[in-house]
Amino acid sequence: MNVWYVKPGGAGRVVQRDAEGNEFAFHGVYHAIETPVRLVRTFEFEGTPGHVLLETVTFEDLGGRTNLIDQSVFQTAEDRDAMLRLGMEEGAAESMDRLAALLAKG
């Protein structure tokens, strides 16, 4: 299932594949939705079960443009460091690049 049900209590799961065909699955639950300002959800990489982060995405209106702020709060610094070692930063950058490409298509 590569889908997120964007509603309070809505769950989702997504599987991503890298260039070598390795799969990386993630799941979570939406806890708050303030349209069009903010989303709050949990997010868990299935490769490290039990290490759940809290993600808050805020959309700031810049008058015809939008600033997206994505903040992740980890249970421990060790959890954060482990996700960084697993490539979370690169994955997030790739996701933002894909979003920018979609938005450029208009």
PDB file of N, CA and C in Angstrom:
ATOM      1  N   MET A   1       0.849  -1.174   0.000  1.00  0.00           N
ATOM      2  CA  MET A   1       0.000   0.000   0.000  1.00  0.00           C
ATOM      3  C   MET A   1       0.892   1.234   0.000  1.00  0.00           C
ATOM      4  N   ASN A   2       0.831   2.032  -1.034  1.00  0.00           N
ATOM      5  CA  ASN A   2       1.537   3.301  -1.082  1.00  0.00           C
ATOM      6  C   ASN A   2       0.515   4.424  -0.996  1.00  0.00           C
ATOM      7  N   VAL A   3      -0.022   4.596   0.184  1.00  0.00           N
ATOM      8  CA  VAL A   3      -1.090   5.576   0.352  1.00  0.00           C
ATOM      9  C   VAL A   3      -1.099   6.089   1.791  1.00  0.00           C
ATOM     10  N   TRP A   4      -1.459   7.348   1.941  1.00  0.00           N
ATOM     11  CA  TRP A   4      -1.671   7.951   3.254  1.00  0.00           C
ATOM     12  C   TRP A   4      -3.093   8.474   3.291  1.00  0.00           C
ATOM     13  N   TYR A   5      -3.837   8.142   4.327  1.00  0.00           N
ATOM     14  CA  TYR A   5      -5.178   8.666   4.528  1.00  0.00           C
ATOM     15  C   TYR A   5      -5.047   9.917   5.385  1.00  0.00           C
ATOM     16  N   VAL A   6      -5.102  11.068   4.726  1.00  0.00           N
ATOM     17  CA  VAL A   6      -4.815  12.343   5.382  1.00  0.00           C
ATOM     18  C   VAL A   6      -6.076  12.845   6.078  1.00  0.00           C
ATOM     19  N   LYS A   7      -6.245  12.351   7.308  1.00  0.00           N
ATOM     20  CA  LYS A   7      -7.324  12.768   8.198  1.00  0.00           C
ATOM     21  C   LYS A   7      -6.875  12.395   9.601  1.00  0.00           C
ATOM     22  N   PRO A   8      -7.360  13.090  10.625  1.00  0.00           N
ATOM     23  CA  PRO A   8      -6.959  12.719  11.986  1.00  0.00           C
ATOM     24  C   PRO A   8      -7.245  11.240  12.243  1.00  0.00           C
ATOM     25  N   GLY A   9      -6.248  10.520  12.675  1.00  0.00           N
ATOM     26  CA  GLY A   9      -6.353   9.091  12.903  1.00  0.00           C
ATOM     27  C   GLY A   9      -6.100   8.259  11.661  1.00  0.00           C
ATOM     28  N   GLY A  10      -5.964   8.931  10.518  1.00  0.00           N
ATOM     29  CA  GLY A  10      -5.705   8.223   9.264  1.00  0.00           C
ATOM     30  C   GLY A  10      -4.291   7.671   9.236  1.00  0.00           C
ATOM     31  N   ALA A  11      -4.168   6.468   8.749  1.00  0.00           N
ATOM     32  CA  ALA A  11      -2.870   5.801   8.711  1.00  0.00           C
ATOM     33  C   ALA A  11      -2.376   5.707   7.276  1.00  0.00           C
ATOM     34  N   GLY A  12      -1.132   5.326   7.153  1.00  0.00           N
ATOM     35  CA  GLY A  12      -0.581   5.138   5.823  1.00  0.00           C
ATOM     36  C   GLY A  12       0.688   4.323   5.845  1.00  0.00           C
ATOM     37  N   ARG A  13       1.032   3.859   4.661  1.00  0.00           N
ATOM     38  CA  ARG A  13       2.259   3.086   4.492  1.00  0.00           C
ATOM     39  C   ARG A  13       2.766   3.332   3.088  1.00  0.00           C
ATOM     40  N   VAL A  14       4.058   3.454   2.954  1.00  0.00           N
ATOM     41  CA  VAL A  14       4.678   3.650   1.652  1.00  0.00           C
ATOM     42  C   VAL A  14       5.941   2.806   1.571  1.00  0.00           C
ATOM     43  N   VAL A  15       6.197   2.263   0.391  1.00  0.00           N
ATOM     44  CA  VAL A  15       7.417   1.500   0.137  1.00  0.00           C
ATOM     45  C   VAL A  15       8.177   2.215  -0.965  1.00  0.00           C
ATOM     46  N   GLN A  16       9.434   2.534  -0.689  1.00  0.00           N
ATOM     47  CA  GLN A  16      10.300   3.168  -1.685  1.00  0.00           C
ATOM     48  C   GLN A  16      11.376   2.182  -2.104  1.00  0.00           C
ATOM     49  N   ARG A  17      11.820   2.321  -3.341  1.00  0.00           N
ATOM     50  CA  ARG A  17      12.882   1.461  -3.862  1.00  0.00           C
ATOM     51  C   ARG A  17      14.034   2.324  -4.347  1.00  0.00           C
ATOM     52  N   ASP A  18      15.264   1.896  -4.032  1.00  0.00           N
ATOM     53  CA  ASP A  18      16.424   2.620  -4.528  1.00  0.00           C
ATOM     54  C   ASP A  18      16.830   2.074  -5.896  1.00  0.00           C
ATOM     55  N   ALA A  19      17.889   2.629  -6.464  1.00  0.00           N
ATOM     56  CA  ALA A  19      18.339   2.246  -7.806  1.00  0.00           C
ATOM     57  C   ALA A  19      18.738   0.780  -7.887  1.00  0.00           C
ATOM     58  N   GLU A  20      19.147   0.189  -6.776  1.00  0.00           N
ATOM     59  CA  GLU A  20      19.548  -1.220  -6.752  1.00  0.00           C
ATOM     60  C   GLU A  20      18.372  -2.163  -6.490  1.00  0.00           C
ATOM     61  N   GLY A  21      17.180  -1.604  -6.295  1.00  0.00           N
ATOM     62  CA  GLY A  21      16.007  -2.434  -6.059  1.00  0.00           C
ATOM     63  C   GLY A  21      15.731  -2.739  -4.603  1.00  0.00           C
ATOM     64  N   ASN A  22      16.511  -2.174  -3.680  1.00  0.00           N
ATOM     65  CA  ASN A  22      16.256  -2.370  -2.253  1.00  0.00           C
ATOM     66  C   ASN A  22      14.984  -1.623  -1.856  1.00  0.00           C
ATOM     67  N   GLU A  23      14.175  -2.253  -1.017  1.00  0.00           N
ATOM     68  CA  GLU A  23      12.929  -1.644  -0.571  1.00  0.00           C
ATOM     69  C   GLU A  23      13.058  -1.079   0.834  1.00  0.00           C
ATOM     70  N   PHE A  24      12.423   0.072   1.037  1.00  0.00           N
ATOM     71  CA  PHE A  24      12.402   0.741   2.333  1.00  0.00           C
ATOM     72  C   PHE A  24      10.954   1.120   2.620  1.00  0.00           C
ATOM     73  N   ALA A  25      10.376   0.541   3.662  1.00  0.00           N
ATOM     74  CA  ALA A  25       8.973   0.777   3.984  1.00  0.00           C
ATOM     75  C   ALA A  25       8.846   1.654   5.228  1.00  0.00           C
ATOM     76  N   PHE A  26       7.827   2.497   5.212  1.00  0.00           N
ATOM     77  CA  PHE A  26       7.542   3.422   6.297  1.00  0.00           C
ATOM     78  C   PHE A  26       6.039   3.408   6.553  1.00  0.00           C
ATOM     79  N   HIS A  27       5.640   3.654   7.804  1.00  0.00           N
ATOM     80  CA  HIS A  27       4.223   3.783   8.109  1.00  0.00           C
ATOM     81  C   HIS A  27       4.036   4.801   9.232  1.00  0.00           C
ATOM     82  N   GLY A  28       2.794   5.238   9.421  1.00  0.00           N
ATOM     83  CA  GLY A  28       2.512   6.206  10.474  1.00  0.00           C
ATOM     84  C   GLY A  28       1.037   6.522  10.559  1.00  0.00           C
ATOM     85  N   VAL A  29       0.727   7.480  11.434  1.00  0.00           N
ATOM     86  CA  VAL A  29      -0.653   7.894  11.693  1.00  0.00           C
ATOM     87  C   VAL A  29      -0.695   9.418  11.775  1.00  0.00           C
ATOM     88  N   TYR A  30      -1.710  10.021  11.145  1.00  0.00           N
ATOM     89  CA  TYR A  30      -1.912  11.467  11.271  1.00  0.00           C
ATOM     90  C   TYR A  30      -2.587  11.775  12.603  1.00  0.00           C
ATOM     91  N   HIS A  31      -2.043  12.768  13.311  1.00  0.00           N
ATOM     92  CA  HIS A  31      -2.569  13.152  14.620  1.00  0.00           C
ATOM     93  C   HIS A  31      -3.286  14.494  14.593  1.00  0.00           C
ATOM     94  N   ALA A  32      -2.871  15.389  13.693  1.00  0.00           N
ATOM     95  CA  ALA A  32      -3.520  16.699  13.586  1.00  0.00           C
ATOM     96  C   ALA A  32      -3.403  17.189  12.154  1.00  0.00           C
ATOM     97  N   ILE A  33      -4.481  17.811  11.700  1.00  0.00           N
ATOM     98  CA  ILE A  33      -4.502  18.420  10.375  1.00  0.00           C
ATOM     99  C   ILE A  33      -5.192  19.762  10.512  1.00  0.00           C
ATOM    100  N   GLU A  34      -4.462  20.809  10.194  1.00  0.00           N
ATOM    101  CA  GLU A  34      -5.008  22.164  10.208  1.00  0.00           C
ATOM    102  C   GLU A  34      -4.860  22.705   8.787  1.00  0.00           C
ATOM    103  N   THR A  35      -5.853  22.433   7.950  1.00  0.00           N
ATOM    104  CA  THR A  35      -5.810  22.839   6.546  1.00  0.00           C
ATOM    105  C   THR A  35      -5.899  24.350   6.455  1.00  0.00           C
ATOM    106  N   PRO A  36      -5.103  25.014   5.701  1.00  0.00           N
ATOM    107  CA  PRO A  36      -3.962  24.562   4.903  1.00  0.00           C
ATOM    108  C   PRO A  36      -2.624  24.856   5.570  1.00  0.00           C
ATOM    109  N   VAL A  37      -2.578  24.804   6.885  1.00  0.00           N
ATOM    110  CA  VAL A  37      -1.425  25.313   7.628  1.00  0.00           C
ATOM    111  C   VAL A  37      -0.467  24.239   8.138  1.00  0.00           C
ATOM    112  N   ARG A  38      -0.986  23.115   8.648  1.00  0.00           N
ATOM    113  CA  ARG A  38      -0.102  22.203   9.379  1.00  0.00           C
ATOM    114  C   ARG A  38      -0.616  20.774   9.352  1.00  0.00           C
ATOM    115  N   LEU A  39       0.346  19.837   9.285  1.00  0.00           N
ATOM    116  CA  LEU A  39       0.086  18.400   9.413  1.00  0.00           C
ATOM    117  C   LEU A  39       0.996  17.857  10.510  1.00  0.00           C
ATOM    118  N   VAL A  40       0.471  16.982  11.355  1.00  0.00           N
ATOM    119  CA  VAL A  40       1.279  16.326  12.385  1.00  0.00           C
ATOM    120  C   VAL A  40       1.030  14.832  12.278  1.00  0.00           C
ATOM    121  N   ARG A  41       2.116  14.064  12.166  1.00  0.00           N
ATOM    122  CA  ARG A  41       1.967  12.610  12.067  1.00  0.00           C
ATOM    123  C   ARG A  41       3.159  11.914  12.706  1.00  0.00           C
ATOM    124  N   THR A  42       2.934  10.648  13.046  1.00  0.00           N
ATOM    125  CA  THR A  42       4.045   9.803  13.436  1.00  0.00           C
ATOM    126  C   THR A  42       4.587   9.161  12.171  1.00  0.00           C
ATOM    127  N   PHE A  43       5.839   8.731  12.249  1.00  0.00           N
ATOM    128  CA  PHE A  43       6.524   8.193  11.083  1.00  0.00           C
ATOM    129  C   PHE A  43       7.523   7.167  11.582  1.00  0.00           C
ATOM    130  N   GLU A  44       7.432   5.955  11.044  1.00  0.00           N
ATOM    131  CA  GLU A  44       8.314   4.883  11.517  1.00  0.00           C
ATOM    132  C   GLU A  44       8.905   4.133  10.322  1.00  0.00           C
ATOM    133  N   PHE A  45      10.218   4.014  10.302  1.00  0.00           N
ATOM    134  CA  PHE A  45      10.907   3.219   9.295  1.00  0.00           C
ATOM    135  C   PHE A  45      10.812   1.771   9.738  1.00  0.00           C
ATOM    136  N   GLU A  46      10.244   0.920   8.877  1.00  0.00           N
ATOM    137  CA  GLU A  46      10.028  -0.465   9.268  1.00  0.00           C
ATOM    138  C   GLU A  46      11.330  -1.253   9.411  1.00  0.00           C
ATOM    139  N   GLY A  47      12.426  -0.710   8.900  1.00  0.00           N
ATOM    140  CA  GLY A  47      13.727  -1.356   9.069  1.00  0.00           C
ATOM    141  C   GLY A  47      14.264  -1.239  10.487  1.00  0.00           C
ATOM    142  N   THR A  48      13.704  -0.308  11.263  1.00  0.00           N
ATOM    143  CA  THR A  48      14.083  -0.138  12.673  1.00  0.00           C
ATOM    144  C   THR A  48      12.806   0.021  13.502  1.00  0.00           C
ATOM    145  N   PRO A  49      12.032  -1.056  13.637  1.00  0.00           N
ATOM    146  CA  PRO A  49      10.750  -0.958  14.340  1.00  0.00           C
ATOM    147  C   PRO A  49      10.900  -0.467  15.780  1.00  0.00           C
ATOM    148  N   GLY A  50       9.890   0.302  16.219  1.00  0.00           N
ATOM    149  CA  GLY A  50       9.888   0.810  17.582  1.00  0.00           C
ATOM    150  C   GLY A  50      10.539   2.165  17.725  1.00  0.00           C
ATOM    151  N   HIS A  51      11.107   2.680  16.658  1.00  0.00           N
ATOM    152  CA  HIS A  51      11.772   3.991  16.693  1.00  0.00           C
ATOM    153  C   HIS A  51      10.920   4.979  15.906  1.00  0.00           C
ATOM    154  N   VAL A  52       9.915   5.520  16.590  1.00  0.00           N
ATOM    155  CA  VAL A  52       8.913   6.375  15.963  1.00  0.00           C
ATOM    156  C   VAL A  52       9.317   7.836  16.139  1.00  0.00           C
ATOM    157  N   LEU A  53       9.187   8.597  15.053  1.00  0.00           N
ATOM    158  CA  LEU A  53       9.433  10.028  15.173  1.00  0.00           C
ATOM    159  C   LEU A  53       8.126  10.769  14.981  1.00  0.00           C
ATOM    160  N   LEU A  54       8.075  11.994  15.479  1.00  0.00           N
ATOM    161  CA  LEU A  54       6.913  12.857  15.324  1.00  0.00           C
ATOM    162  C   LEU A  54       7.287  13.922  14.302  1.00  0.00           C
ATOM    163  N   GLU A  55       6.525  13.981  13.224  1.00  0.00           N
ATOM    164  CA  GLU A  55       6.816  14.908  12.128  1.00  0.00           C
ATOM    165  C   GLU A  55       5.733  15.974  12.062  1.00  0.00           C
ATOM    166  N   THR A  56       6.161  17.241  12.010  1.00  0.00           N
ATOM    167  CA  THR A  56       5.242  18.362  11.838  1.00  0.00           C
ATOM    168  C   THR A  56       5.622  19.086  10.558  1.00  0.00           C
ATOM    169  N   VAL A  57       4.658  19.199   9.648  1.00  0.00           N
ATOM    170  CA  VAL A  57       4.878  19.909   8.393  1.00  0.00           C
ATOM    171  C   VAL A  57       4.016  21.161   8.437  1.00  0.00           C
ATOM    172  N   THR A  58       4.662  22.313   8.263  1.00  0.00           N
ATOM    173  CA  THR A  58       3.979  23.597   8.300  1.00  0.00           C
ATOM    174  C   THR A  58       4.108  24.261   6.937  1.00  0.00           C
ATOM    175  N   PHE A  59       2.996  24.830   6.464  1.00  0.00           N
ATOM    176  CA  PHE A  59       2.958  25.523   5.178  1.00  0.00           C
ATOM    177  C   PHE A  59       2.751  27.011   5.455  1.00  0.00           C
ATOM    178  N   GLU A  60       3.712  27.826   5.014  1.00  0.00           N
ATOM    179  CA  GLU A  60       3.663  29.259   5.263  1.00  0.00           C
ATOM    180  C   GLU A  60       3.376  29.986   3.954  1.00  0.00           C
ATOM    181  N   ASP A  61       2.278  30.735   3.912  1.00  0.00           N
ATOM    182  CA  ASP A  61       1.886  31.486   2.719  1.00  0.00           C
ATOM    183  C   ASP A  61       2.805  32.683   2.553  1.00  0.00           C
ATOM    184  N   LEU A  62       3.463  32.747   1.406  1.00  0.00           N
ATOM    185  CA  LEU A  62       4.354  33.858   1.104  1.00  0.00           C
ATOM    186  C   LEU A  62       3.777  34.732  -0.007  1.00  0.00           C
ATOM    187  N   GLY A  63       2.458  34.738  -0.143  1.00  0.00           N
ATOM    188  CA  GLY A  63       1.821  35.561  -1.165  1.00  0.00           C
ATOM    189  C   GLY A  63       2.103  35.062  -2.576  1.00  0.00           C
ATOM    190  N   GLY A  64       1.525  33.942  -2.927  1.00  0.00           N
ATOM    191  CA  GLY A  64       1.744  33.359  -4.249  1.00  0.00           C
ATOM    192  C   GLY A  64       2.795  32.266  -4.261  1.00  0.00           C
ATOM    193  N   ARG A  65       3.505  32.121  -3.178  1.00  0.00           N
ATOM    194  CA  ARG A  65       4.492  31.051  -2.989  1.00  0.00           C
ATOM    195  C   ARG A  65       4.248  30.456  -1.612  1.00  0.00           C
ATOM    196  N   THR A  66       4.788  29.266  -1.387  1.00  0.00           N
ATOM    197  CA  THR A  66       4.610  28.605  -0.089  1.00  0.00           C
ATOM    198  C   THR A  66       5.959  28.133   0.427  1.00  0.00           C
ATOM    199  N   ASN A  67       6.227  28.424   1.681  1.00  0.00           N
ATOM    200  CA  ASN A  67       7.406  27.904   2.361  1.00  0.00           C
ATOM    201  C   ASN A  67       6.975  26.664   3.145  1.00  0.00           C
ATOM    202  N   LEU A  68       7.618  25.538   2.899  1.00  0.00           N
ATOM    203  CA  LEU A  68       7.304  24.287   3.580  1.00  0.00           C
ATOM    204  C   LEU A  68       8.388  24.024   4.622  1.00  0.00           C
ATOM    205  N   ILE A  69       7.974  23.842   5.855  1.00  0.00           N
ATOM    206  CA  ILE A  69       8.897  23.535   6.950  1.00  0.00           C
ATOM    207  C   ILE A  69       8.546  22.148   7.470  1.00  0.00           C
ATOM    208  N   ASP A  70       9.510  21.239   7.449  1.00  0.00           N
ATOM    209  CA  ASP A  70       9.288  19.855   7.871  1.00  0.00           C
ATOM    210  C   ASP A  70      10.213  19.575   9.054  1.00  0.00           C
ATOM    211  N   GLN A  71       9.622  19.403  10.235  1.00  0.00           N
ATOM    212  CA  GLN A  71      10.400  19.192  11.458  1.00  0.00           C
ATOM    213  C   GLN A  71      10.135  17.792  11.994  1.00  0.00           C
ATOM    214  N   SER A  72      11.208  17.060  12.259  1.00  0.00           N
ATOM    215  CA  SER A  72      11.102  15.713  12.822  1.00  0.00           C
ATOM    216  C   SER A  72      11.684  15.708  14.222  1.00  0.00           C
ATOM    217  N   VAL A  73      10.926  15.142  15.167  1.00  0.00           N
ATOM    218  CA  VAL A  73      11.380  15.024  16.552  1.00  0.00           C
ATOM    219  C   VAL A  73      11.524  13.534  16.851  1.00  0.00           C
ATOM    220  N   PHE A  74      12.721  13.151  17.240  1.00  0.00           N
ATOM    221  CA  PHE A  74      13.032  11.752  17.530  1.00  0.00           C
ATOM    222  C   PHE A  74      12.939  11.503  19.023  1.00  0.00           C
ATOM    223  N   GLN A  75      12.737  10.241  19.396  1.00  0.00           N
ATOM    224  CA  GLN A  75      12.666   9.880  20.807  1.00  0.00           C
ATOM    225  C   GLN A  75      14.018  10.064  21.486  1.00  0.00           C
ATOM    226  N   THR A  76      15.094   9.809  20.763  1.00  0.00           N
ATOM    227  CA  THR A  76      16.441   9.957  21.325  1.00  0.00           C
ATOM    228  C   THR A  76      17.392  10.468  20.244  1.00  0.00           C
ATOM    229  N   ALA A  77      18.516  11.006  20.673  1.00  0.00           N
ATOM    230  CA  ALA A  77      19.555  11.419  19.728  1.00  0.00           C
ATOM    231  C   ALA A  77      20.100  10.209  18.978  1.00  0.00           C
ATOM    232  N   GLU A  78      20.120   9.061  19.629  1.00  0.00           N
ATOM    233  CA  GLU A  78      20.591   7.843  18.973  1.00  0.00           C
ATOM    234  C   GLU A  78      19.666   7.447  17.824  1.00  0.00           C
ATOM    235  N   ASP A  79      18.356   7.596  18.026  1.00  0.00           N
ATOM    236  CA  ASP A  79      17.397   7.312  16.953  1.00  0.00           C
ATOM    237  C   ASP A  79      17.644   8.244  15.764  1.00  0.00           C
ATOM    238  N   ARG A  80      17.835   9.516  16.051  1.00  0.00           N
ATOM    239  CA  ARG A  80      18.106  10.486  14.988  1.00  0.00           C
ATOM    240  C   ARG A  80      19.363  10.115  14.222  1.00  0.00           C
ATOM    241  N   ASP A  81      20.421   9.823  14.952  1.00  0.00           N
ATOM    242  CA  ASP A  81      21.695   9.484  14.311  1.00  0.00           C
ATOM    243  C   ASP A  81      21.596   8.220  13.469  1.00  0.00           C
ATOM    244  N   ALA A  82      20.831   7.246  13.948  1.00  0.00           N
ATOM    245  CA  ALA A  82      20.654   6.009  13.188  1.00  0.00           C
ATOM    246  C   ALA A  82      19.913   6.283  11.879  1.00  0.00           C
ATOM    247  N   MET A  83      18.878   7.114  11.918  1.00  0.00           N
ATOM    248  CA  MET A  83      18.150   7.449  10.694  1.00  0.00           C
ATOM    249  C   MET A  83      19.041   8.203   9.714  1.00  0.00           C
ATOM    250  N   LEU A  84      19.889   9.073  10.224  1.00  0.00           N
ATOM    251  CA  LEU A  84      20.815   9.784   9.337  1.00  0.00           C
ATOM    252  C   LEU A  84      21.794   8.817   8.689  1.00  0.00           C
ATOM    253  N   ARG A  85      22.281   7.848   9.452  1.00  0.00           N
ATOM    254  CA  ARG A  85      23.194   6.845   8.885  1.00  0.00           C
ATOM    255  C   ARG A  85      22.511   6.004   7.814  1.00  0.00           C
ATOM    256  N   LEU A  86      21.205   5.804   7.960  1.00  0.00           N
ATOM    257  CA  LEU A  86      20.450   5.001   6.990  1.00  0.00           C
ATOM    258  C   LEU A  86      20.062   5.799   5.738  1.00  0.00           C
ATOM    259  N   GLY A  87      20.413   7.085   5.687  1.00  0.00           N
ATOM    260  CA  GLY A  87      20.161   7.878   4.482  1.00  0.00           C
ATOM    261  C   GLY A  87      18.921   8.741   4.514  1.00  0.00           C
ATOM    262  N   MET A  88      18.400   9.031   5.711  1.00  0.00           N
ATOM    263  CA  MET A  88      17.185   9.831   5.806  1.00  0.00           C
ATOM    264  C   MET A  88      17.351  11.203   5.156  1.00  0.00           C
ATOM    265  N   GLU A  89      18.484  11.828   5.339  1.00  0.00           N
ATOM    266  CA  GLU A  89      18.694  13.165   4.790  1.00  0.00           C
ATOM    267  C   GLU A  89      18.636  13.142   3.261  1.00  0.00           C
ATOM    268  N   GLU A  90      19.282  12.154   2.667  1.00  0.00           N
ATOM    269  CA  GLU A  90      19.268  12.038   1.212  1.00  0.00           C
ATOM    270  C   GLU A  90      17.861  11.722   0.709  1.00  0.00           C
ATOM    271  N   GLY A  91      17.149  10.849   1.433  1.00  0.00           N
ATOM    272  CA  GLY A  91      15.782  10.507   1.053  1.00  0.00           C
ATOM    273  C   GLY A  91      14.852  11.709   1.122  1.00  0.00           C
ATOM    274  N   ALA A  92      15.010  12.511   2.157  1.00  0.00           N
ATOM    275  CA  ALA A  92      14.179  13.704   2.297  1.00  0.00           C
ATOM    276  C   ALA A  92      14.484  14.704   1.182  1.00  0.00           C
ATOM    277  N   ALA A  93      15.759  14.873   0.861  1.00  0.00           N
ATOM    278  CA  ALA A  93      16.137  15.786  -0.225  1.00  0.00           C
ATOM    279  C   ALA A  93      15.563  15.305  -1.559  1.00  0.00           C
ATOM    280  N   GLU A  94      15.599  14.003  -1.788  1.00  0.00           N
ATOM    281  CA  GLU A  94      15.040  13.446  -3.023  1.00  0.00           C
ATOM    282  C   GLU A  94      13.530  13.684  -3.082  1.00  0.00           C
ATOM    283  N   SER A  95      12.854  13.516  -1.959  1.00  0.00           N
ATOM    284  CA  SER A  95      11.405  13.764  -1.917  1.00  0.00           C
ATOM    285  C   SER A  95      11.089  15.223  -2.229  1.00  0.00           C
ATOM    286  N   MET A  96      11.860  16.148  -1.682  1.00  0.00           N
ATOM    287  CA  MET A  96      11.635  17.569  -1.945  1.00  0.00           C
ATOM    288  C   MET A  96      11.923  17.902  -3.416  1.00  0.00           C
ATOM    289  N   ASP A  97      12.939  17.270  -3.996  1.00  0.00           N
ATOM    290  CA  ASP A  97      13.233  17.472  -5.423  1.00  0.00           C
ATOM    291  C   ASP A  97      12.075  16.989  -6.286  1.00  0.00           C
ATOM    292  N   ARG A  98      11.499  15.842  -5.922  1.00  0.00           N
ATOM    293  CA  ARG A  98      10.352  15.320  -6.678  1.00  0.00           C
ATOM    294  C   ARG A  98       9.145  16.233  -6.544  1.00  0.00           C
ATOM    295  N   LEU A  99       8.911  16.768  -5.341  1.00  0.00           N
ATOM    296  CA  LEU A  99       7.807  17.699  -5.141  1.00  0.00           C
ATOM    297  C   LEU A  99       8.025  18.957  -5.986  1.00  0.00           C
ATOM    298  N   ALA A 100       9.227  19.492  -5.991  1.00  0.00           N
ATOM    299  CA  ALA A 100       9.530  20.683  -6.791  1.00  0.00           C
ATOM    300  C   ALA A 100       9.290  20.413  -8.271  1.00  0.00           C
ATOM    301  N   ALA A 101       9.668  19.237  -8.749  1.00  0.00           N
ATOM    302  CA  ALA A 101       9.449  18.887 -10.161  1.00  0.00           C
ATOM    303  C   ALA A 101       7.962  18.833 -10.481  1.00  0.00           C
ATOM    304  N   LEU A 102       7.176  18.236  -9.580  1.00  0.00           N
ATOM    305  CA  LEU A 102       5.722  18.182  -9.797  1.00  0.00           C
ATOM    306  C   LEU A 102       5.112  19.574  -9.822  1.00  0.00           C
ATOM    307  N   LEU A 103       5.549  20.429  -8.909  1.00  0.00           N
ATOM    308  CA  LEU A 103       5.010  21.787  -8.849  1.00  0.00           C
ATOM    309  C   LEU A 103       5.413  22.601 -10.079  1.00  0.00           C
ATOM    310  N   ALA A 104       6.598  22.336 -10.606  1.00  0.00           N
ATOM    311  CA  ALA A 104       7.069  23.064 -11.791  1.00  0.00           C
ATOM    312  C   ALA A 104       6.219  22.728 -13.018  1.00  0.00           C
ATOM    313  N   LYS A 105       5.657  21.524 -13.040  1.00  0.00           N
ATOM    314  CA  LYS A 105       4.799  21.135 -14.154  1.00  0.00           C
ATOM    315  C   LYS A 105       3.483  21.908 -14.161  1.00  0.00           C
ATOM    316  N   GLY A 106       3.151  22.445 -12.965  1.00  0.00           N
ATOM    317  CA  GLY A 106       1.989  23.292 -12.814  1.00  0.00           C
ATOM    318  C   GLY A 106       0.712  22.598 -12.909  1.00  0.00           C
TER     319      GLY A 106
END
